[in-house]
């Protein structure tokens, strides 16, 4: 996975992600939506076969989009760790 920042302003972040599809993008978008400082979060894939997901994140207040993204990634990592733990305890 490769992250390419296209725009990084005080309350706006636009970036592309290479090597991921809708599954990861939807999970990341939902985690960003859980943050009260995030006012807009969405992504677009311009072409289903060759397009790269392009994310748009805007925040309000003092929290930057970069910090909101960091929180979302940490939350996803925690959920993944918990899921793995539950999976390993399955009989």
N, C-alpha and C. Protein backbone atom coordinates (compact mmCIF):
# COMPACT_ATOMS: atom_id res chain seq x y z
N UNK A 1 0.85 -1.17 0.00
CA UNK A 1 0.00 0.00 0.00
C UNK A 1 0.89 1.24 0.00
N UNK A 2 0.51 2.18 -0.82
CA UNK A 2 1.26 3.43 -0.92
C UNK A 2 0.31 4.60 -0.76
N UNK A 3 0.68 5.57 0.07
CA UNK A 3 -0.12 6.76 0.31
C UNK A 3 0.57 7.94 -0.37
N UNK A 4 -0.17 8.66 -1.18
CA UNK A 4 0.35 9.82 -1.89
C UNK A 4 -0.52 11.03 -1.54
N UNK A 5 0.04 11.99 -0.80
CA UNK A 5 -0.70 13.18 -0.38
C UNK A 5 -0.77 14.16 -1.55
N UNK A 6 -1.99 14.54 -1.88
CA UNK A 6 -2.21 15.49 -2.98
C UNK A 6 -2.44 16.91 -2.47
N UNK A 7 -3.04 17.02 -1.28
CA UNK A 7 -3.31 18.34 -0.69
C UNK A 7 -3.32 18.18 0.83
N UNK A 8 -2.60 19.04 1.52
CA UNK A 8 -2.53 18.98 2.98
C UNK A 8 -2.62 20.40 3.53
N UNK A 9 -3.84 20.80 3.92
CA UNK A 9 -4.06 22.12 4.50
C UNK A 9 -4.51 21.97 5.95
N UNK A 10 -4.72 23.07 6.62
CA UNK A 10 -5.07 23.06 8.04
C UNK A 10 -6.27 22.15 8.32
N UNK A 11 -7.33 22.26 7.56
CA UNK A 11 -8.53 21.47 7.81
C UNK A 11 -8.96 20.61 6.62
N UNK A 12 -8.05 20.36 5.69
CA UNK A 12 -8.39 19.57 4.51
C UNK A 12 -7.20 18.71 4.11
N UNK A 13 -7.49 17.43 3.86
CA UNK A 13 -6.47 16.49 3.41
C UNK A 13 -7.03 15.68 2.25
N UNK A 14 -6.27 15.61 1.17
CA UNK A 14 -6.64 14.81 0.01
C UNK A 14 -5.46 13.90 -0.28
N UNK A 15 -5.74 12.60 -0.40
CA UNK A 15 -4.65 11.65 -0.66
C UNK A 15 -5.15 10.46 -1.47
N UNK A 16 -4.22 9.82 -2.14
CA UNK A 16 -4.50 8.59 -2.90
C UNK A 16 -3.89 7.41 -2.19
N UNK A 17 -4.56 6.27 -2.30
CA UNK A 17 -4.04 5.02 -1.76
C UNK A 17 -3.89 4.03 -2.90
N UNK A 18 -2.71 3.49 -3.08
CA UNK A 18 -2.50 2.47 -4.11
C UNK A 18 -2.57 1.10 -3.46
N UNK A 19 -3.12 0.14 -4.18
CA UNK A 19 -3.11 -1.24 -3.72
C UNK A 19 -4.25 -1.62 -2.79
N UNK A 20 -5.27 -0.80 -2.69
CA UNK A 20 -6.43 -1.15 -1.87
C UNK A 20 -7.70 -0.95 -2.68
N UNK A 21 -8.78 -1.57 -2.21
CA UNK A 21 -10.07 -1.44 -2.90
C UNK A 21 -11.14 -0.91 -1.96
N UNK A 22 -12.38 -1.15 -2.35
CA UNK A 22 -13.52 -0.63 -1.59
C UNK A 22 -13.57 -1.16 -0.16
N UNK A 23 -13.17 -2.39 0.07
CA UNK A 23 -13.27 -2.97 1.41
C UNK A 23 -12.49 -2.15 2.42
N UNK A 24 -11.23 -1.91 2.15
CA UNK A 24 -10.40 -1.12 3.06
C UNK A 24 -10.89 0.33 3.12
N UNK A 25 -11.21 0.89 1.97
CA UNK A 25 -11.64 2.30 1.92
C UNK A 25 -12.91 2.53 2.73
N UNK A 26 -13.87 1.61 2.63
CA UNK A 26 -15.10 1.76 3.40
C UNK A 26 -14.85 1.65 4.89
N UNK A 27 -13.98 0.74 5.30
CA UNK A 27 -13.65 0.61 6.72
C UNK A 27 -12.99 1.89 7.24
N UNK A 28 -12.05 2.42 6.48
CA UNK A 28 -11.37 3.66 6.87
C UNK A 28 -12.35 4.83 6.92
N UNK A 29 -13.20 4.93 5.93
CA UNK A 29 -14.19 6.01 5.88
C UNK A 29 -15.13 5.95 7.10
N UNK A 30 -15.57 4.75 7.47
CA UNK A 30 -16.45 4.62 8.63
C UNK A 30 -15.75 5.01 9.93
N UNK A 31 -14.49 4.64 10.08
CA UNK A 31 -13.75 5.05 11.28
C UNK A 31 -13.58 6.56 11.32
N UNK A 32 -13.33 7.18 10.19
CA UNK A 32 -13.22 8.64 10.15
C UNK A 32 -14.54 9.29 10.52
N UNK A 33 -15.64 8.70 10.10
CA UNK A 33 -16.96 9.25 10.43
C UNK A 33 -17.27 9.19 11.92
N UNK A 34 -16.64 8.28 12.64
CA UNK A 34 -16.85 8.17 14.08
C UNK A 34 -16.21 9.32 14.86
N UNK A 35 -15.37 10.09 14.21
CA UNK A 35 -14.68 11.21 14.83
C UNK A 35 -15.55 12.47 14.69
N UNK A 36 -15.90 13.08 15.82
CA UNK A 36 -16.78 14.26 15.80
C UNK A 36 -16.14 15.47 15.12
N UNK A 37 -14.82 15.51 15.04
CA UNK A 37 -14.14 16.63 14.39
C UNK A 37 -14.19 16.54 12.87
N UNK A 38 -14.46 15.37 12.34
CA UNK A 38 -14.49 15.17 10.89
C UNK A 38 -15.84 15.62 10.36
N UNK A 39 -15.81 16.59 9.46
CA UNK A 39 -17.05 17.10 8.86
C UNK A 39 -17.35 16.44 7.52
N UNK A 40 -16.31 16.10 6.78
CA UNK A 40 -16.48 15.44 5.48
C UNK A 40 -15.43 14.35 5.36
N UNK A 41 -15.88 13.17 4.96
CA UNK A 41 -14.96 12.10 4.59
C UNK A 41 -15.62 11.26 3.51
N UNK A 42 -14.93 11.13 2.43
CA UNK A 42 -15.41 10.30 1.33
C UNK A 42 -14.21 9.90 0.48
N UNK A 43 -14.46 9.00 -0.44
CA UNK A 43 -13.42 8.62 -1.38
C UNK A 43 -14.06 8.34 -2.73
N UNK A 44 -13.22 8.33 -3.74
CA UNK A 44 -13.67 8.07 -5.10
C UNK A 44 -12.63 7.22 -5.81
N UNK A 45 -13.09 6.26 -6.58
CA UNK A 45 -12.21 5.49 -7.45
C UNK A 45 -12.66 5.79 -8.88
N UNK A 46 -11.84 6.50 -9.63
CA UNK A 46 -12.25 7.01 -10.94
C UNK A 46 -12.49 5.92 -11.97
N UNK A 47 -11.79 4.80 -11.88
CA UNK A 47 -11.98 3.70 -12.81
C UNK A 47 -11.87 2.40 -12.02
N UNK A 48 -12.83 1.49 -12.19
CA UNK A 48 -12.84 0.27 -11.36
C UNK A 48 -11.64 -0.65 -11.55
N UNK A 49 -10.97 -0.58 -12.67
CA UNK A 49 -9.85 -1.49 -12.91
C UNK A 49 -8.49 -0.85 -12.67
N UNK A 50 -8.34 0.40 -13.02
CA UNK A 50 -7.02 1.03 -12.92
C UNK A 50 -6.98 2.26 -12.00
N UNK A 51 -8.13 2.66 -11.48
CA UNK A 51 -8.18 3.86 -10.64
C UNK A 51 -7.65 3.62 -9.24
N UNK A 52 -7.07 4.65 -8.66
CA UNK A 52 -6.60 4.61 -7.28
C UNK A 52 -7.63 5.32 -6.41
N UNK A 53 -7.94 4.77 -5.24
CA UNK A 53 -8.86 5.47 -4.35
C UNK A 53 -8.29 6.84 -3.95
N UNK A 54 -9.13 7.85 -4.07
CA UNK A 54 -8.76 9.21 -3.72
C UNK A 54 -9.64 9.63 -2.55
N UNK A 55 -9.04 9.90 -1.40
CA UNK A 55 -9.74 10.25 -0.17
C UNK A 55 -9.78 11.76 0.03
N UNK A 56 -10.89 12.22 0.59
CA UNK A 56 -11.09 13.62 0.97
C UNK A 56 -11.50 13.63 2.44
N UNK A 57 -10.76 14.36 3.26
CA UNK A 57 -11.07 14.46 4.69
C UNK A 57 -11.00 15.93 5.09
N UNK A 58 -12.08 16.41 5.71
CA UNK A 58 -12.11 17.77 6.24
C UNK A 58 -12.52 17.72 7.70
N UNK A 59 -11.93 18.61 8.49
CA UNK A 59 -12.23 18.65 9.93
C UNK A 59 -12.62 20.05 10.35
N UNK A 60 -13.18 20.11 11.56
CA UNK A 60 -13.49 21.41 12.18
C UNK A 60 -12.74 21.48 13.49
N UNK A 61 -12.59 22.67 14.00
CA UNK A 61 -11.92 22.84 15.28
C UNK A 61 -10.41 22.73 15.15
N UNK A 62 -9.78 22.34 16.24
CA UNK A 62 -8.32 22.32 16.26
C UNK A 62 -7.70 21.01 15.74
N UNK A 63 -8.52 19.96 15.60
CA UNK A 63 -7.96 18.69 15.13
C UNK A 63 -7.74 18.72 13.62
N UNK A 64 -6.53 18.35 13.22
CA UNK A 64 -6.21 18.34 11.79
C UNK A 64 -6.70 17.04 11.16
N UNK A 65 -6.91 17.05 9.85
CA UNK A 65 -7.29 15.81 9.17
C UNK A 65 -6.24 14.70 9.34
N UNK A 66 -4.99 15.09 9.39
CA UNK A 66 -3.92 14.11 9.57
C UNK A 66 -4.06 13.40 10.92
N UNK A 67 -4.38 14.15 11.96
CA UNK A 67 -4.57 13.57 13.29
C UNK A 67 -5.81 12.67 13.30
N UNK A 68 -6.87 13.10 12.63
CA UNK A 68 -8.09 12.29 12.53
C UNK A 68 -7.80 10.98 11.80
N UNK A 69 -7.00 11.05 10.76
CA UNK A 69 -6.62 9.86 10.01
C UNK A 69 -5.80 8.91 10.89
N UNK A 70 -4.90 9.47 11.66
CA UNK A 70 -4.09 8.66 12.58
C UNK A 70 -4.97 7.94 13.60
N UNK A 71 -5.98 8.65 14.14
CA UNK A 71 -6.90 8.03 15.10
C UNK A 71 -7.70 6.90 14.44
N UNK A 72 -8.14 7.11 13.21
CA UNK A 72 -8.91 6.09 12.50
C UNK A 72 -8.07 4.85 12.23
N UNK A 73 -6.82 5.05 11.85
CA UNK A 73 -5.93 3.92 11.60
C UNK A 73 -5.68 3.14 12.89
N UNK A 74 -5.48 3.84 13.99
CA UNK A 74 -5.28 3.19 15.29
C UNK A 74 -6.51 2.38 15.69
N UNK A 75 -7.70 2.93 15.46
CA UNK A 75 -8.94 2.23 15.79
C UNK A 75 -9.10 0.97 14.93
N UNK A 76 -8.79 1.08 13.64
CA UNK A 76 -8.87 -0.09 12.76
C UNK A 76 -7.90 -1.18 13.20
N UNK A 77 -6.72 -0.77 13.57
CA UNK A 77 -5.71 -1.73 14.04
C UNK A 77 -6.19 -2.44 15.29
N UNK A 78 -6.78 -1.70 16.21
CA UNK A 78 -7.29 -2.28 17.44
C UNK A 78 -8.42 -3.28 17.17
N UNK A 79 -9.34 -2.90 16.29
CA UNK A 79 -10.44 -3.80 15.93
C UNK A 79 -9.92 -5.07 15.25
N UNK A 80 -8.92 -4.92 14.41
CA UNK A 80 -8.35 -6.07 13.72
C UNK A 80 -7.68 -7.01 14.72
N UNK A 81 -6.96 -6.44 15.69
CA UNK A 81 -6.31 -7.24 16.72
C UNK A 81 -7.36 -8.00 17.54
N UNK A 82 -8.44 -7.33 17.90
CA UNK A 82 -9.51 -7.97 18.66
C UNK A 82 -10.16 -9.09 17.85
N UNK A 83 -10.40 -8.86 16.57
CA UNK A 83 -10.99 -9.87 15.71
C UNK A 83 -10.08 -11.09 15.61
N UNK A 84 -8.80 -10.85 15.45
CA UNK A 84 -7.85 -11.95 15.37
C UNK A 84 -7.85 -12.77 16.66
N UNK A 85 -7.92 -12.09 17.80
CA UNK A 85 -7.97 -12.77 19.09
C UNK A 85 -9.23 -13.65 19.18
N UNK A 86 -10.37 -13.10 18.78
CA UNK A 86 -11.62 -13.85 18.79
C UNK A 86 -11.55 -15.05 17.83
N UNK A 87 -10.96 -14.84 16.68
CA UNK A 87 -10.83 -15.91 15.69
C UNK A 87 -9.98 -17.05 16.25
N UNK A 88 -8.88 -16.71 16.88
CA UNK A 88 -7.99 -17.75 17.42
C UNK A 88 -8.61 -18.52 18.56
N UNK A 89 -9.57 -17.91 19.24
CA UNK A 89 -10.23 -18.61 20.35
C UNK A 89 -11.43 -19.46 19.89
N UNK A 90 -11.75 -19.43 18.60
CA UNK A 90 -12.84 -20.24 18.06
C UNK A 90 -12.53 -21.72 18.18
N UNK A 91 -13.55 -22.49 18.36
CA UNK A 91 -13.38 -23.95 18.41
C UNK A 91 -14.00 -24.59 17.21
